[in-house]
Amino acid sequence: MICLTREIRCCLIPQPQGLVDGAVSNSWGGWPSASDLAPYITLQCSLSGEIDGQQGYLCNVKEIDERIRRNFVVPAADRWRSMNPLSLARFAFEEISKAFSDEFVVSEVMIKTTPTLSVAIREKDSPMLRVTQQFEFSASHRLHNPDLSDEENLRLYGKCNNPLGHGHNYVVDVTVTAPHESEMISLTQFEQIVKQQVIDRLDHKYLNIEVEQFHKLNPSVENIAVVIWRLLENRLTPSVLDRVRVYETPKTWADYGGP
C-alpha cells in the first residue's frame, strides 16, 4: 500500500463551459486562476492504493487534477458563499472520495483557505475534522543545564549557551479535532485563547527569566512544544487539542500530542 499526495491550487470562480478541460496557463500559481475577487485555496489530496506494475504509478497526477477540478472545484465555485472552511473541507472530502471510490481510498483531504488556516479530514477518523491555525512569536532563550559545568554546557550547546541568550522567530501550529462541525470551537475563540494563553505569555520574552514555566526547564524547542500544549490543554473545548508543532527555524521543529 502506497500513499500519494497531490496539491491543487485554484480560485473558486464560476467555470465557463470547457474551462476545466482547457489548457492550463499557470499550474504552479493555480488553475483556474483568478479573474475576479473570489477565494483562492490550496487543496491536498492523499490517495492510498497499490502501484501499477506497468506504469509505476499509483495514479497519473493529471488524472488526479482533472477529477478534483471536475468533481470539487467546479461545484464548489457555485456553493462556497454558503460555506465556511469546515463545511468546504467536508464537501471536498465527500466529493473527491466519490470521484475515486472505484480505484483508491482517499485517505486525507486538506484545504488551506488562508496562509495560516487549514482544515483536514482523514478517512481513518471516519471522518474527523482537523483544524490547524498558525501563530508566531519572537523570543530569546539560553540553552543551559545547571547540573552541568560551564565547560560541559558550552560543549553541549555551543553558541546557544551564550549567557546573554539568542533569539528566534517561532512559528506555532495548533491543531484541534472534532467529529462534527457543531462540536468544533469557533475560529474566533480558537485564536483568542491561543493568543491569551500562549502568544501573550511568550512573545518578546527572555524565556528562561520572564516565563515561569522555564525557570527550571531548559527552553529547547521540544520543551516549548510541551509547555504550549499544557497551556492549551482542556481550554479549546468543545474541540480536542490534537497536536502542537513549534518551528524554531524552517529546518527544525518539534511536535507534541500529549503524554
C-alpha atoms as a PDB file:
ATOM      1  CA  MET A   1       0.000   0.000   0.000  1.00  0.00           C
ATOM      2  CA  ILE A   2       1.374   3.401  -1.019  1.00  0.00           C
ATOM      3  CA  CYS A   3       0.094   6.918  -0.317  1.00  0.00           C
ATOM      4  CA  LEU A   4       0.402   9.621  -2.977  1.00  0.00           C
ATOM      5  CA  THR A   5      -0.411  13.273  -2.244  1.00  0.00           C
ATOM      6  CA  ARG A   6      -1.223  15.828  -4.913  1.00  0.00           C
ATOM      7  CA  GLU A   7      -1.671  19.560  -4.321  1.00  0.00           C
ATOM      8  CA  ILE A   8      -4.224  21.584  -6.271  1.00  0.00           C
ATOM      9  CA  ARG A   9      -4.159  25.397  -6.252  1.00  0.00           C
ATOM     10  CA  CYS A  10      -7.196  27.152  -7.622  1.00  0.00           C
ATOM     11  CA  CYS A  11      -9.563  30.080  -7.432  1.00  0.00           C
ATOM     12  CA  LEU A  12     -13.210  29.199  -6.810  1.00  0.00           C
ATOM     13  CA  ILE A  13     -14.722  31.058  -9.726  1.00  0.00           C
ATOM     14  CA  PRO A  14     -17.697  30.021 -11.876  1.00  0.00           C
ATOM     15  CA  GLN A  15     -16.476  27.845 -14.704  1.00  0.00           C
ATOM     16  CA  PRO A  16     -17.261  28.713 -18.315  1.00  0.00           C
ATOM     17  CA  GLN A  17     -18.043  25.666 -20.408  1.00  0.00           C
ATOM     18  CA  GLY A  18     -14.875  23.774 -21.245  1.00  0.00           C
ATOM     19  CA  LEU A  19     -12.567  25.726 -18.928  1.00  0.00           C
ATOM     20  CA  VAL A  20     -11.547  22.708 -16.839  1.00  0.00           C
ATOM     21  CA  ASP A  21     -10.606  20.828 -19.999  1.00  0.00           C
ATOM     22  CA  GLY A  22      -8.722  23.754 -21.477  1.00  0.00           C
ATOM     23  CA  ALA A  23      -5.014  24.471 -21.477  1.00  0.00           C
ATOM     24  CA  VAL A  24      -3.560  25.197 -18.055  1.00  0.00           C
ATOM     25  CA  SER A  25      -1.810  28.557 -18.129  1.00  0.00           C
ATOM     26  CA  ASN A  26      -0.120  28.502 -14.721  1.00  0.00           C
ATOM     27  CA  SER A  27      -0.402  25.254 -12.800  1.00  0.00           C
ATOM     28  CA  TRP A  28       2.119  26.454 -10.211  1.00  0.00           C
ATOM     29  CA  GLY A  29       0.186  29.599  -9.378  1.00  0.00           C
ATOM     30  CA  GLY A  30      -3.191  27.878  -9.640  1.00  0.00           C
ATOM     31  CA  TRP A  31      -5.780  26.806 -12.181  1.00  0.00           C
ATOM     32  CA  PRO A  32      -8.389  28.089 -12.646  1.00  0.00           C
ATOM     33  CA  SER A  33      -6.643  31.371 -11.934  1.00  0.00           C
ATOM     34  CA  ALA A  34      -8.364  34.454 -10.573  1.00  0.00           C
ATOM     35  CA  SER A  35     -10.363  36.602 -12.963  1.00  0.00           C
ATOM     36  CA  ASP A  36     -12.338  38.306 -10.203  1.00  0.00           C
ATOM     37  CA  LEU A  37     -12.450  38.557  -6.414  1.00  0.00           C
ATOM     38  CA  ALA A  38     -13.023  35.010  -5.188  1.00  0.00           C
ATOM     39  CA  PRO A  39     -11.459  32.557  -2.700  1.00  0.00           C
ATOM     40  CA  TYR A  40      -8.039  31.213  -3.602  1.00  0.00           C
ATOM     41  CA  ILE A  41      -7.446  27.850  -1.937  1.00  0.00           C
ATOM     42  CA  THR A  42      -4.824  25.146  -1.745  1.00  0.00           C
ATOM     43  CA  LEU A  43      -6.094  21.568  -1.573  1.00  0.00           C
ATOM     44  CA  GLN A  44      -4.019  18.481  -0.818  1.00  0.00           C
ATOM     45  CA  CYS A  45      -5.483  15.090  -1.647  1.00  0.00           C
ATOM     46  CA  SER A  46      -3.848  11.878  -0.411  1.00  0.00           C
ATOM     47  CA  LEU A  47      -4.705   8.638  -2.245  1.00  0.00           C
ATOM     48  CA  SER A  48      -3.843   5.166  -0.955  1.00  0.00           C
ATOM     49  CA  GLY A  49      -3.642   2.008  -3.046  1.00  0.00           C
ATOM     50  CA  GLU A  50      -1.348  -0.312  -4.964  1.00  0.00           C
ATOM     51  CA  ILE A  51       1.260   0.777  -7.519  1.00  0.00           C
ATOM     52  CA  ASP A  52       0.508  -0.124 -11.125  1.00  0.00           C
ATOM     53  CA  GLY A  53       3.288  -2.562 -12.040  1.00  0.00           C
ATOM     54  CA  GLN A  54       3.378  -1.476 -15.667  1.00  0.00           C
ATOM     55  CA  GLN A  55       3.197   2.302 -15.242  1.00  0.00           C
ATOM     56  CA  GLY A  56       4.997   2.611 -11.929  1.00  0.00           C
ATOM     57  CA  TYR A  57       2.203   4.998 -10.877  1.00  0.00           C
ATOM     58  CA  LEU A  58      -0.410   4.794  -8.196  1.00  0.00           C
ATOM     59  CA  CYS A  59      -2.353   7.248 -10.336  1.00  0.00           C
ATOM     60  CA  ASN A  60      -1.318   9.705 -13.041  1.00  0.00           C
ATOM     61  CA  VAL A  61      -1.300  13.150 -11.408  1.00  0.00           C
ATOM     62  CA  LYS A  62      -3.003  14.640 -14.463  1.00  0.00           C
ATOM     63  CA  GLU A  63      -5.925  12.316 -13.799  1.00  0.00           C
ATOM     64  CA  ILE A  64      -5.975  13.402 -10.149  1.00  0.00           C
ATOM     65  CA  ASP A  65      -6.042  17.052 -11.197  1.00  0.00           C
ATOM     66  CA  GLU A  66      -8.857  16.505 -13.677  1.00  0.00           C
ATOM     67  CA  ARG A  67     -11.095  14.574 -11.279  1.00  0.00           C
ATOM     68  CA  ILE A  68     -10.621  17.015  -8.410  1.00  0.00           C
ATOM     69  CA  ARG A  69     -11.313  20.026 -10.591  1.00  0.00           C
ATOM     70  CA  ARG A  70     -14.355  18.420 -12.196  1.00  0.00           C
ATOM     71  CA  ASN A  71     -15.859  16.922  -9.037  1.00  0.00           C
ATOM     72  CA  PHE A  72     -14.932  19.542  -6.452  1.00  0.00           C
ATOM     73  CA  VAL A  73     -13.642  22.817  -7.902  1.00  0.00           C
ATOM     74  CA  VAL A  74     -16.475  23.312 -10.382  1.00  0.00           C
ATOM     75  CA  PRO A  75     -19.385  22.679  -7.968  1.00  0.00           C
ATOM     76  CA  ALA A  76     -17.628  24.476  -5.097  1.00  0.00           C
ATOM     77  CA  ALA A  77     -17.379  27.630  -7.205  1.00  0.00           C
ATOM     78  CA  ASP A  78     -21.160  27.895  -7.077  1.00  0.00           C
ATOM     79  CA  ARG A  79     -21.527  26.964  -3.385  1.00  0.00           C
ATOM     80  CA  TRP A  80     -18.663  28.468  -1.405  1.00  0.00           C
ATOM     81  CA  ARG A  81     -20.621  31.580  -0.371  1.00  0.00           C
ATOM     82  CA  SER A  82     -22.865  29.423   1.818  1.00  0.00           C
ATOM     83  CA  MET A  83     -19.944  27.529   3.365  1.00  0.00           C
ATOM     84  CA  ASN A  84     -17.285  28.068   6.000  1.00  0.00           C
ATOM     85  CA  PRO A  85     -13.830  26.424   5.881  1.00  0.00           C
ATOM     86  CA  LEU A  86     -15.078  23.370   7.804  1.00  0.00           C
ATOM     87  CA  SER A  87     -18.078  22.663   5.596  1.00  0.00           C
ATOM     88  CA  LEU A  88     -15.987  23.315   2.486  1.00  0.00           C
ATOM     89  CA  ALA A  89     -13.451  20.705   3.616  1.00  0.00           C
ATOM     90  CA  ARG A  90     -16.171  18.151   4.309  1.00  0.00           C
ATOM     91  CA  PHE A  91     -17.738  18.828   0.907  1.00  0.00           C
ATOM     92  CA  ALA A  92     -14.326  18.352  -0.717  1.00  0.00           C
ATOM     93  CA  PHE A  93     -13.703  15.081   1.103  1.00  0.00           C
ATOM     94  CA  GLU A  94     -17.098  13.655   0.183  1.00  0.00           C
ATOM     95  CA  GLU A  95     -16.989  14.659  -3.490  1.00  0.00           C
ATOM     96  CA  ILE A  96     -13.377  13.626  -4.054  1.00  0.00           C
ATOM     97  CA  SER A  97     -13.977  10.295  -2.310  1.00  0.00           C
ATOM     98  CA  LYS A  98     -16.818   9.620  -4.739  1.00  0.00           C
ATOM     99  CA  ALA A  99     -14.591  10.506  -7.680  1.00  0.00           C
ATOM    100  CA  PHE A 100     -12.002   7.870  -6.723  1.00  0.00           C
ATOM    101  CA  SER A 101     -14.228   5.305  -4.999  1.00  0.00           C
ATOM    102  CA  ASP A 102     -13.761   2.614  -7.663  1.00  0.00           C
ATOM    103  CA  GLU A 103      -9.966   2.609  -7.538  1.00  0.00           C
ATOM    104  CA  PHE A 104      -8.417   4.241  -4.492  1.00  0.00           C
ATOM    105  CA  VAL A 105      -9.010   5.211  -0.896  1.00  0.00           C
ATOM    106  CA  VAL A 106      -8.960   8.949  -0.313  1.00  0.00           C
ATOM    107  CA  SER A 107      -7.025   8.839   2.950  1.00  0.00           C
ATOM    108  CA  GLU A 108      -6.955  12.596   3.584  1.00  0.00           C
ATOM    109  CA  VAL A 109      -8.135  15.874   2.119  1.00  0.00           C
ATOM    110  CA  MET A 110      -6.676  19.110   3.445  1.00  0.00           C
ATOM    111  CA  ILE A 111      -7.810  22.576   2.427  1.00  0.00           C
ATOM    112  CA  LYS A 112      -5.817  25.697   3.189  1.00  0.00           C
ATOM    113  CA  THR A 113      -8.078  28.730   2.988  1.00  0.00           C
ATOM    114  CA  THR A 114      -5.516  31.265   4.211  1.00  0.00           C
ATOM    115  CA  PRO A 115      -1.717  31.115   4.612  1.00  0.00           C
ATOM    116  CA  THR A 116      -2.250  30.205   8.285  1.00  0.00           C
ATOM    117  CA  LEU A 117      -5.515  28.220   8.421  1.00  0.00           C
ATOM    118  CA  SER A 118      -6.024  24.657   7.219  1.00  0.00           C
ATOM    119  CA  VAL A 119      -8.796  22.086   7.682  1.00  0.00           C
ATOM    120  CA  ALA A 120      -8.171  18.382   7.102  1.00  0.00           C
ATOM    121  CA  ILE A 121     -10.377  15.304   7.073  1.00  0.00           C
ATOM    122  CA  ARG A 122      -8.850  11.844   7.331  1.00  0.00           C
ATOM    123  CA  GLU A 123     -10.633   8.719   6.163  1.00  0.00           C
ATOM    124  CA  LYS A 124      -9.401   6.637   9.094  1.00  0.00           C
ATOM    125  CA  ASP A 125     -11.056   9.085  11.506  1.00  0.00           C
ATOM    126  CA  SER A 126     -14.460   8.193   9.965  1.00  0.00           C
ATOM    127  CA  PRO A 127     -14.089  11.137   9.123  1.00  0.00           C
ATOM    128  CA  MET A 128     -12.784  13.632  11.677  1.00  0.00           C
ATOM    129  CA  LEU A 129     -12.403  17.377  11.187  1.00  0.00           C
ATOM    130  CA  ARG A 130      -8.904  18.647  11.904  1.00  0.00           C
ATOM    131  CA  VAL A 131      -8.364  22.403  12.045  1.00  0.00           C
ATOM    132  CA  THR A 132      -4.857  23.843  12.173  1.00  0.00           C
ATOM    133  CA  GLN A 133      -4.186  27.506  12.796  1.00  0.00           C
ATOM    134  CA  GLN A 134      -0.716  29.022  12.662  1.00  0.00           C
ATOM    135  CA  PHE A 135       0.648  31.636  15.052  1.00  0.00           C
ATOM    136  CA  GLU A 136       4.029  33.244  15.621  1.00  0.00           C
ATOM    137  CA  PHE A 137       6.013  34.887  18.366  1.00  0.00           C
ATOM    138  CA  SER A 138       9.545  36.161  18.841  1.00  0.00           C
ATOM    139  CA  ALA A 139      11.526  35.295  21.939  1.00  0.00           C
ATOM    140  CA  SER A 140      15.037  34.780  23.220  1.00  0.00           C
ATOM    141  CA  HIS A 141      16.385  31.892  25.248  1.00  0.00           C
ATOM    142  CA  ARG A 142      19.534  30.264  26.518  1.00  0.00           C
ATOM    143  CA  LEU A 143      20.100  26.518  26.404  1.00  0.00           C
ATOM    144  CA  HIS A 144      21.724  25.679  29.723  1.00  0.00           C
ATOM    145  CA  ASN A 145      21.635  22.806  32.197  1.00  0.00           C
ATOM    146  CA  PRO A 146      22.538  23.971  35.731  1.00  0.00           C
ATOM    147  CA  ASP A 147      23.509  20.409  36.676  1.00  0.00           C
ATOM    148  CA  LEU A 148      26.415  20.562  34.209  1.00  0.00           C
ATOM    149  CA  SER A 149      29.619  22.580  34.412  1.00  0.00           C
ATOM    150  CA  ASP A 150      30.075  25.659  32.267  1.00  0.00           C
ATOM    151  CA  GLU A 151      32.547  23.716  30.140  1.00  0.00           C
ATOM    152  CA  GLU A 152      30.085  20.846  29.636  1.00  0.00           C
ATOM    153  CA  ASN A 153      27.264  23.266  28.767  1.00  0.00           C
ATOM    154  CA  LEU A 154      29.423  25.031  26.224  1.00  0.00           C
ATOM    155  CA  ARG A 155      30.469  21.741  24.671  1.00  0.00           C
ATOM    156  CA  LEU A 156      26.868  20.504  24.514  1.00  0.00           C
ATOM    157  CA  TYR A 157      25.045  23.663  23.394  1.00  0.00           C
ATOM    158  CA  GLY A 158      27.790  25.691  21.717  1.00  0.00           C
ATOM    159  CA  LYS A 159      26.811  29.272  20.876  1.00  0.00           C
ATOM    160  CA  CYS A 160      23.245  28.533  22.040  1.00  0.00           C
ATOM    161  CA  ASN A 161      24.695  28.623  25.565  1.00  0.00           C
ATOM    162  CA  ASN A 162      25.507  32.342  25.287  1.00  0.00           C
ATOM    163  CA  PRO A 163      24.721  33.816  28.755  1.00  0.00           C
ATOM    164  CA  LEU A 164      23.023  36.796  27.080  1.00  0.00           C
ATOM    165  CA  GLY A 165      20.765  34.485  25.093  1.00  0.00           C
ATOM    166  CA  HIS A 166      19.819  34.456  21.433  1.00  0.00           C
ATOM    167  CA  GLY A 167      16.529  34.872  19.615  1.00  0.00           C
ATOM    168  CA  HIS A 168      14.167  33.047  17.276  1.00  0.00           C
ATOM    169  CA  ASN A 169      11.041  33.884  15.338  1.00  0.00           C
ATOM    170  CA  TYR A 170       8.970  30.888  16.414  1.00  0.00           C
ATOM    171  CA  VAL A 171       6.062  29.586  14.347  1.00  0.00           C
ATOM    172  CA  VAL A 172       3.407  27.541  16.144  1.00  0.00           C
ATOM    173  CA  ASP A 173       0.819  25.255  14.529  1.00  0.00           C
ATOM    174  CA  VAL A 174      -2.046  24.307  16.843  1.00  0.00           C
ATOM    175  CA  THR A 175      -4.345  21.503  15.661  1.00  0.00           C
ATOM    176  CA  VAL A 176      -7.734  20.672  17.160  1.00  0.00           C
ATOM    177  CA  THR A 177     -10.179  17.929  16.196  1.00  0.00           C
ATOM    178  CA  ALA A 178     -13.921  17.335  16.373  1.00  0.00           C
ATOM    179  CA  PRO A 179     -16.209  14.680  14.873  1.00  0.00           C
ATOM    180  CA  HIS A 180     -18.679  17.252  13.578  1.00  0.00           C
ATOM    181  CA  GLU A 181     -18.692  20.927  12.702  1.00  0.00           C
ATOM    182  CA  SER A 182     -21.131  21.624  15.559  1.00  0.00           C
ATOM    183  CA  GLU A 183     -18.505  20.343  18.024  1.00  0.00           C
ATOM    184  CA  MET A 184     -15.652  22.442  16.645  1.00  0.00           C
ATOM    185  CA  ILE A 185     -14.571  25.541  18.540  1.00  0.00           C
ATOM    186  CA  SER A 186     -15.227  28.743  16.628  1.00  0.00           C
ATOM    187  CA  LEU A 187     -12.180  30.117  14.842  1.00  0.00           C
ATOM    188  CA  THR A 188     -12.548  33.406  16.710  1.00  0.00           C
ATOM    189  CA  GLN A 189     -12.436  31.676  20.101  1.00  0.00           C
ATOM    190  CA  PHE A 190      -9.622  29.426  18.923  1.00  0.00           C
ATOM    191  CA  GLU A 191      -7.434  32.376  18.021  1.00  0.00           C
ATOM    192  CA  GLN A 192      -8.317  34.385  21.127  1.00  0.00           C
ATOM    193  CA  ILE A 193      -7.496  31.532  23.509  1.00  0.00           C
ATOM    194  CA  VAL A 194      -4.157  30.757  21.870  1.00  0.00           C
ATOM    195  CA  LYS A 195      -3.266  34.444  21.885  1.00  0.00           C
ATOM    196  CA  GLN A 196      -4.148  34.868  25.576  1.00  0.00           C
ATOM    197  CA  GLN A 197      -2.699  31.614  26.862  1.00  0.00           C
ATOM    198  CA  VAL A 198       0.395  31.324  24.675  1.00  0.00           C
ATOM    199  CA  ILE A 199       1.370  34.258  22.494  1.00  0.00           C
ATOM    200  CA  ASP A 200       0.859  36.971  25.108  1.00  0.00           C
ATOM    201  CA  ARG A 201       2.918  34.945  27.617  1.00  0.00           C
ATOM    202  CA  LEU A 202       5.850  34.164  25.302  1.00  0.00           C
ATOM    203  CA  ASP A 203       6.127  36.927  22.745  1.00  0.00           C
ATOM    204  CA  HIS A 204       9.173  39.212  23.126  1.00  0.00           C
ATOM    205  CA  LYS A 205      10.238  37.484  26.341  1.00  0.00           C
ATOM    206  CA  TYR A 206      13.534  36.074  27.546  1.00  0.00           C
ATOM    207  CA  LEU A 207      12.031  32.661  28.183  1.00  0.00           C
ATOM    208  CA  ASN A 208      14.499  31.500  30.859  1.00  0.00           C
ATOM    209  CA  ILE A 209      13.902  34.565  33.022  1.00  0.00           C
ATOM    210  CA  GLU A 210      10.490  36.018  32.198  1.00  0.00           C
ATOM    211  CA  VAL A 211       8.373  32.896  31.720  1.00  0.00           C
ATOM    212  CA  GLU A 212       7.618  30.914  34.870  1.00  0.00           C
ATOM    213  CA  GLN A 213       7.414  27.553  33.088  1.00  0.00           C
ATOM    214  CA  PHE A 214      11.066  27.812  32.020  1.00  0.00           C
ATOM    215  CA  HIS A 215      12.613  28.913  35.289  1.00  0.00           C
ATOM    216  CA  LYS A 216      13.716  25.318  35.892  1.00  0.00           C
ATOM    217  CA  LEU A 217      13.091  23.881  32.425  1.00  0.00           C
ATOM    218  CA  ASN A 218      15.528  24.203  29.533  1.00  0.00           C
ATOM    219  CA  PRO A 219      13.623  26.131  26.812  1.00  0.00           C
ATOM    220  CA  SER A 220      14.520  23.859  23.906  1.00  0.00           C
ATOM    221  CA  VAL A 221      12.072  23.695  21.012  1.00  0.00           C
ATOM    222  CA  GLU A 222      10.955  20.311  22.349  1.00  0.00           C
ATOM    223  CA  ASN A 223      10.156  21.709  25.781  1.00  0.00           C
ATOM    224  CA  ILE A 224       8.481  24.783  24.286  1.00  0.00           C
ATOM    225  CA  ALA A 225       6.090  22.490  22.407  1.00  0.00           C
ATOM    226  CA  VAL A 226       5.254  20.624  25.628  1.00  0.00           C
ATOM    227  CA  VAL A 227       4.702  23.857  27.581  1.00  0.00           C
ATOM    228  CA  ILE A 228       2.396  25.245  24.895  1.00  0.00           C
ATOM    229  CA  TRP A 229       0.402  22.002  24.970  1.00  0.00           C
ATOM    230  CA  ARG A 230      -0.016  22.294  28.736  1.00  0.00           C
ATOM    231  CA  LEU A 231      -1.105  25.938  28.443  1.00  0.00           C
ATOM    232  CA  LEU A 232      -3.830  24.956  25.954  1.00  0.00           C
ATOM    233  CA  GLU A 233      -4.913  21.534  27.198  1.00  0.00           C
ATOM    234  CA  ASN A 234      -8.655  21.393  28.000  1.00  0.00           C
ATOM    235  CA  ARG A 235      -9.113  25.050  27.056  1.00  0.00           C
ATOM    236  CA  LEU A 236     -10.179  24.635  23.425  1.00  0.00           C
ATOM    237  CA  THR A 237     -13.463  22.888  24.132  1.00  0.00           C
ATOM    238  CA  PRO A 238     -15.658  21.523  22.681  1.00  0.00           C
ATOM    239  CA  SER A 239     -12.797  20.599  20.319  1.00  0.00           C
ATOM    240  CA  VAL A 240      -9.972  18.319  21.411  1.00  0.00           C
ATOM    241  CA  LEU A 241      -6.375  19.516  21.278  1.00  0.00           C
ATOM    242  CA  ASP A 242      -4.610  17.148  18.862  1.00  0.00           C
ATOM    243  CA  ARG A 243      -1.106  18.477  18.234  1.00  0.00           C
ATOM    244  CA  VAL A 244       1.238  21.378  18.876  1.00  0.00           C
ATOM    245  CA  ARG A 245       4.037  21.924  16.379  1.00  0.00           C
ATOM    246  CA  VAL A 246       6.725  24.526  17.077  1.00  0.00           C
ATOM    247  CA  TYR A 247       9.169  25.653  14.412  1.00  0.00           C
ATOM    248  CA  GLU A 248      12.384  27.044  15.869  1.00  0.00           C
ATOM    249  CA  THR A 249      13.712  27.552  12.345  1.00  0.00           C
ATOM    250  CA  PRO A 250      12.341  26.458   8.949  1.00  0.00           C
ATOM    251  CA  LYS A 251      14.624  23.409   9.284  1.00  0.00           C
ATOM    252  CA  THR A 252      13.925  22.485  12.912  1.00  0.00           C
ATOM    253  CA  TRP A 253      10.563  21.806  14.564  1.00  0.00           C
ATOM    254  CA  ALA A 254       9.047  19.667  17.303  1.00  0.00           C
ATOM    255  CA  ASP A 255       5.621  18.018  17.541  1.00  0.00           C
ATOM    256  CA  TYR A 256       3.815  17.159  20.756  1.00  0.00           C
ATOM    257  CA  GLY A 257       0.498  15.362  21.031  1.00  0.00           C
ATOM    258  CA  GLY A 258       0.156  14.902  24.764  1.00  0.00           C
ATOM    259  CA  PRO A 259       1.591  12.431  27.283  1.00  0.00           C
END
